[in-house]
Amino acid sequence: MKTRGRDLAGILEQYTRFVKPATESFVLPTKDYADLIVPRGVENTVAIDLIATHINEILIERSLRRELSAEAALLGERAGEPPVTVS
C-alpha cells in the first residue's frame, strides 16, 4: 500500500467499484465453458507443470503417429500396395 501511495479505504473502494463487478461480469461467466480451471492461477506451478507435461505427451504421441503413418504409406508404395493409415 505504501509503495503505491494508497490507503486501505481507497483499495477497498476500487475493489468494490471496479474489480468485483468486472470479475462478476466477464470472468465468472466464462468458467462455465472452461475445460480446466487452475486454482490460484499462475502461482500454482505444480498444476501448470502437470498440464504442460500432459500437453507435451499428447503432441509427441501425435508426432509419432504421423511419422509411423508416413513410413507405412511409403512402405506400401514401395510394395505396390494401397497406402496404409495408422490411427
N, C-alpha and C. Protein backbone atom coordinates (compact mmCIF):
# COMPACT_ATOMS: atom_id res chain seq x y z
N MET A 1 0.83 -1.19 0.00
CA MET A 1 0.00 0.00 0.00
C MET A 1 0.87 1.25 0.00
N LYS A 2 1.89 1.25 0.83
CA LYS A 2 2.72 2.44 0.95
C LYS A 2 3.50 2.71 -0.33
N THR A 3 4.01 1.64 -0.95
CA THR A 3 4.82 1.85 -2.15
C THR A 3 4.02 2.47 -3.29
N ARG A 4 2.72 2.25 -3.30
CA ARG A 4 1.87 2.82 -4.35
C ARG A 4 1.11 4.05 -3.87
N GLY A 5 1.37 4.46 -2.64
CA GLY A 5 0.73 5.66 -2.11
C GLY A 5 -0.77 5.53 -1.94
N ARG A 6 -1.22 4.36 -1.50
CA ARG A 6 -2.66 4.13 -1.36
C ARG A 6 -2.98 3.73 0.06
N ASP A 7 -4.21 3.99 0.45
CA ASP A 7 -4.65 3.57 1.77
C ASP A 7 -5.69 2.46 1.62
N LEU A 8 -6.00 1.80 2.70
CA LEU A 8 -6.91 0.67 2.69
C LEU A 8 -8.29 1.07 2.16
N ALA A 9 -8.79 2.22 2.56
CA ALA A 9 -10.12 2.66 2.12
C ALA A 9 -10.16 2.80 0.59
N GLY A 10 -9.11 3.37 0.01
CA GLY A 10 -9.05 3.54 -1.44
C GLY A 10 -8.98 2.22 -2.17
N ILE A 11 -8.23 1.29 -1.61
CA ILE A 11 -8.11 -0.03 -2.22
C ILE A 11 -9.44 -0.76 -2.18
N LEU A 12 -10.10 -0.71 -1.04
CA LEU A 12 -11.41 -1.37 -0.91
C LEU A 12 -12.44 -0.74 -1.82
N GLU A 13 -12.40 0.59 -1.97
CA GLU A 13 -13.34 1.26 -2.87
C GLU A 13 -13.09 0.83 -4.32
N GLN A 14 -11.83 0.78 -4.73
CA GLN A 14 -11.53 0.36 -6.09
C GLN A 14 -11.99 -1.08 -6.33
N TYR A 15 -11.75 -1.95 -5.35
CA TYR A 15 -12.17 -3.33 -5.48
C TYR A 15 -13.69 -3.42 -5.62
N THR A 16 -14.40 -2.70 -4.76
CA THR A 16 -15.87 -2.75 -4.76
C THR A 16 -16.47 -2.15 -6.03
N ARG A 17 -15.90 -1.05 -6.51
CA ARG A 17 -16.47 -0.34 -7.66
C ARG A 17 -16.05 -0.92 -9.01
N PHE A 18 -14.83 -1.47 -9.10
CA PHE A 18 -14.33 -1.87 -10.42
C PHE A 18 -13.96 -3.35 -10.52
N VAL A 19 -13.15 -3.83 -9.61
CA VAL A 19 -12.61 -5.19 -9.74
C VAL A 19 -13.71 -6.24 -9.59
N LYS A 20 -14.48 -6.17 -8.52
CA LYS A 20 -15.51 -7.18 -8.28
C LYS A 20 -16.58 -7.18 -9.37
N PRO A 21 -17.13 -6.02 -9.77
CA PRO A 21 -18.13 -6.04 -10.84
C PRO A 21 -17.56 -6.56 -12.17
N ALA A 22 -16.34 -6.21 -12.49
CA ALA A 22 -15.74 -6.69 -13.74
C ALA A 22 -15.55 -8.20 -13.70
N THR A 23 -15.11 -8.70 -12.56
CA THR A 23 -14.94 -10.14 -12.41
C THR A 23 -16.28 -10.85 -12.55
N GLU A 24 -17.30 -10.33 -11.91
CA GLU A 24 -18.62 -10.96 -11.98
C GLU A 24 -19.21 -10.89 -13.40
N SER A 25 -18.91 -9.83 -14.13
CA SER A 25 -19.46 -9.67 -15.47
C SER A 25 -18.71 -10.44 -16.54
N PHE A 26 -17.38 -10.52 -16.41
CA PHE A 26 -16.59 -11.05 -17.51
C PHE A 26 -15.86 -12.36 -17.20
N VAL A 27 -15.38 -12.52 -15.99
CA VAL A 27 -14.58 -13.71 -15.68
C VAL A 27 -15.46 -14.88 -15.25
N LEU A 28 -16.30 -14.68 -14.27
CA LEU A 28 -17.10 -15.78 -13.73
C LEU A 28 -18.00 -16.46 -14.77
N PRO A 29 -18.66 -15.72 -15.67
CA PRO A 29 -19.49 -16.41 -16.67
C PRO A 29 -18.70 -17.35 -17.58
N THR A 30 -17.44 -17.06 -17.84
CA THR A 30 -16.66 -17.91 -18.74
C THR A 30 -16.23 -19.21 -18.07
N LYS A 31 -16.31 -19.28 -16.76
CA LYS A 31 -15.95 -20.51 -16.06
C LYS A 31 -16.84 -21.68 -16.48
N ASP A 32 -18.08 -21.39 -16.85
CA ASP A 32 -18.99 -22.44 -17.28
C ASP A 32 -18.51 -23.14 -18.54
N TYR A 33 -17.70 -22.47 -19.33
CA TYR A 33 -17.23 -23.01 -20.60
C TYR A 33 -15.79 -23.52 -20.54
N ALA A 34 -15.16 -23.40 -19.39
CA ALA A 34 -13.76 -23.80 -19.25
C ALA A 34 -13.64 -25.31 -19.16
N ASP A 35 -12.64 -25.85 -19.83
CA ASP A 35 -12.33 -27.27 -19.70
C ASP A 35 -11.53 -27.53 -18.43
N LEU A 36 -10.83 -26.50 -18.00
CA LEU A 36 -9.95 -26.66 -16.84
C LEU A 36 -9.81 -25.32 -16.15
N ILE A 37 -9.89 -25.34 -14.82
CA ILE A 37 -9.66 -24.14 -14.02
C ILE A 37 -8.52 -24.46 -13.06
N VAL A 38 -7.48 -23.64 -13.11
CA VAL A 38 -6.33 -23.84 -12.24
C VAL A 38 -6.49 -22.93 -11.03
N PRO A 39 -6.73 -23.52 -9.85
CA PRO A 39 -6.83 -22.69 -8.66
C PRO A 39 -5.54 -21.92 -8.41
N ARG A 40 -5.65 -20.67 -8.01
CA ARG A 40 -4.53 -19.78 -7.73
C ARG A 40 -3.75 -19.41 -8.99
N GLY A 41 -4.25 -19.78 -10.15
CA GLY A 41 -3.67 -19.35 -11.42
C GLY A 41 -2.18 -19.57 -11.54
N VAL A 42 -1.48 -18.51 -11.92
CA VAL A 42 -0.07 -18.59 -12.23
C VAL A 42 0.79 -19.00 -11.03
N GLU A 43 0.27 -18.83 -9.83
CA GLU A 43 1.01 -19.23 -8.63
C GLU A 43 1.06 -20.74 -8.46
N ASN A 44 0.16 -21.46 -9.10
CA ASN A 44 0.06 -22.91 -8.93
C ASN A 44 0.98 -23.62 -9.93
N THR A 45 2.26 -23.56 -9.66
CA THR A 45 3.25 -24.11 -10.59
C THR A 45 3.15 -25.62 -10.72
N VAL A 46 2.71 -26.32 -9.68
CA VAL A 46 2.56 -27.77 -9.76
C VAL A 46 1.51 -28.13 -10.81
N ALA A 47 0.35 -27.49 -10.74
CA ALA A 47 -0.72 -27.77 -11.70
C ALA A 47 -0.29 -27.38 -13.11
N ILE A 48 0.36 -26.25 -13.25
CA ILE A 48 0.80 -25.80 -14.57
C ILE A 48 1.82 -26.77 -15.16
N ASP A 49 2.75 -27.26 -14.34
CA ASP A 49 3.73 -28.24 -14.82
C ASP A 49 3.04 -29.54 -15.25
N LEU A 50 2.05 -29.98 -14.49
CA LEU A 50 1.32 -31.20 -14.86
C LEU A 50 0.59 -31.03 -16.19
N ILE A 51 -0.05 -29.89 -16.36
CA ILE A 51 -0.78 -29.62 -17.60
C ILE A 51 0.20 -29.55 -18.78
N ALA A 52 1.30 -28.84 -18.61
CA ALA A 52 2.29 -28.71 -19.68
C ALA A 52 2.87 -30.07 -20.05
N THR A 53 3.16 -30.90 -19.07
CA THR A 53 3.68 -32.24 -19.33
C THR A 53 2.67 -33.07 -20.11
N HIS A 54 1.42 -33.00 -19.71
CA HIS A 54 0.37 -33.76 -20.40
C HIS A 54 0.23 -33.30 -21.86
N ILE A 55 0.22 -32.01 -22.08
CA ILE A 55 0.11 -31.49 -23.45
C ILE A 55 1.31 -31.93 -24.29
N ASN A 56 2.51 -31.84 -23.72
CA ASN A 56 3.71 -32.29 -24.45
C ASN A 56 3.63 -33.76 -24.81
N GLU A 57 3.14 -34.59 -23.90
CA GLU A 57 3.00 -36.02 -24.19
C GLU A 57 2.03 -36.26 -25.33
N ILE A 58 0.94 -35.52 -25.35
CA ILE A 58 -0.03 -35.64 -26.45
C ILE A 58 0.60 -35.23 -27.78
N LEU A 59 1.32 -34.12 -27.78
CA LEU A 59 1.96 -33.65 -29.01
C LEU A 59 3.01 -34.64 -29.51
N ILE A 60 3.78 -35.21 -28.61
CA ILE A 60 4.79 -36.20 -29.01
C ILE A 60 4.10 -37.43 -29.60
N GLU A 61 3.03 -37.88 -28.96
CA GLU A 61 2.29 -39.05 -29.46
C GLU A 61 1.73 -38.78 -30.86
N ARG A 62 1.17 -37.61 -31.07
CA ARG A 62 0.64 -37.26 -32.40
C ARG A 62 1.75 -37.22 -33.44
N SER A 63 2.88 -36.67 -33.05
CA SER A 63 4.02 -36.59 -33.96
C SER A 63 4.49 -37.99 -34.36
N LEU A 64 4.57 -38.89 -33.38
CA LEU A 64 4.98 -40.27 -33.67
C LEU A 64 3.98 -40.96 -34.58
N ARG A 65 2.70 -40.73 -34.36
CA ARG A 65 1.67 -41.33 -35.22
C ARG A 65 1.84 -40.86 -36.66
N ARG A 66 2.09 -39.56 -36.84
CA ARG A 66 2.28 -39.04 -38.20
C ARG A 66 3.50 -39.67 -38.86
N GLU A 67 4.58 -39.81 -38.09
CA GLU A 67 5.79 -40.43 -38.64
C GLU A 67 5.53 -41.87 -39.04
N LEU A 68 4.82 -42.62 -38.17
CA LEU A 68 4.51 -44.01 -38.49
C LEU A 68 3.59 -44.11 -39.70
N SER A 69 2.65 -43.22 -39.78
CA SER A 69 1.72 -43.23 -40.91
C SER A 69 2.46 -42.94 -42.21
N ALA A 70 3.37 -41.97 -42.16
CA ALA A 70 4.15 -41.63 -43.36
C ALA A 70 5.04 -42.80 -43.76
N GLU A 71 5.67 -43.46 -42.78
CA GLU A 71 6.51 -44.61 -43.09
C GLU A 71 5.70 -45.75 -43.66
N ALA A 72 4.52 -46.01 -43.09
CA ALA A 72 3.66 -47.09 -43.59
C ALA A 72 3.21 -46.80 -45.01
N ALA A 73 2.88 -45.56 -45.30
CA ALA A 73 2.47 -45.19 -46.65
C ALA A 73 3.62 -45.38 -47.62
N LEU A 74 4.82 -45.00 -47.20
CA LEU A 74 5.99 -45.15 -48.06
C LEU A 74 6.29 -46.63 -48.32
N LEU A 75 6.20 -47.45 -47.28
CA LEU A 75 6.42 -48.88 -47.46
C LEU A 75 5.36 -49.50 -48.37
N GLY A 76 4.13 -49.05 -48.23
CA GLY A 76 3.05 -49.55 -49.09
C GLY A 76 3.28 -49.18 -50.55
N GLU A 77 3.77 -47.96 -50.79
CA GLU A 77 4.05 -47.54 -52.16
C GLU A 77 5.17 -48.39 -52.76
N ARG A 78 6.18 -48.67 -51.96
CA ARG A 78 7.30 -49.48 -52.44
C ARG A 78 6.84 -50.89 -52.78
N ALA A 79 5.90 -51.42 -52.05
CA ALA A 79 5.40 -52.77 -52.29
C ALA A 79 4.30 -52.80 -53.32
N GLY A 80 3.87 -51.62 -53.82
CA GLY A 80 2.81 -51.56 -54.80
C GLY A 80 1.44 -51.75 -54.21
N GLU A 81 1.31 -51.52 -52.91
CA GLU A 81 0.02 -51.69 -52.24
C GLU A 81 -0.59 -50.32 -51.98
N PRO A 82 -1.90 -50.28 -51.73
CA PRO A 82 -2.51 -49.01 -51.38
C PRO A 82 -1.95 -48.50 -50.06
N PRO A 83 -1.97 -47.18 -49.84
CA PRO A 83 -1.44 -46.62 -48.60
C PRO A 83 -2.14 -47.17 -47.36
N VAL A 84 -1.38 -47.36 -46.31
CA VAL A 84 -1.89 -47.84 -45.03
C VAL A 84 -1.95 -46.67 -44.08
N THR A 85 -3.04 -46.56 -43.34
CA THR A 85 -3.12 -45.48 -42.35
C THR A 85 -3.04 -46.08 -40.96
N VAL A 86 -2.37 -45.36 -40.09
CA VAL A 86 -2.24 -45.76 -38.70
C VAL A 86 -3.02 -44.77 -37.87
N SER A 87 -3.95 -45.27 -37.03
CA SER A 87 -4.73 -44.34 -36.21
C SER A 87 -4.44 -44.51 -34.76
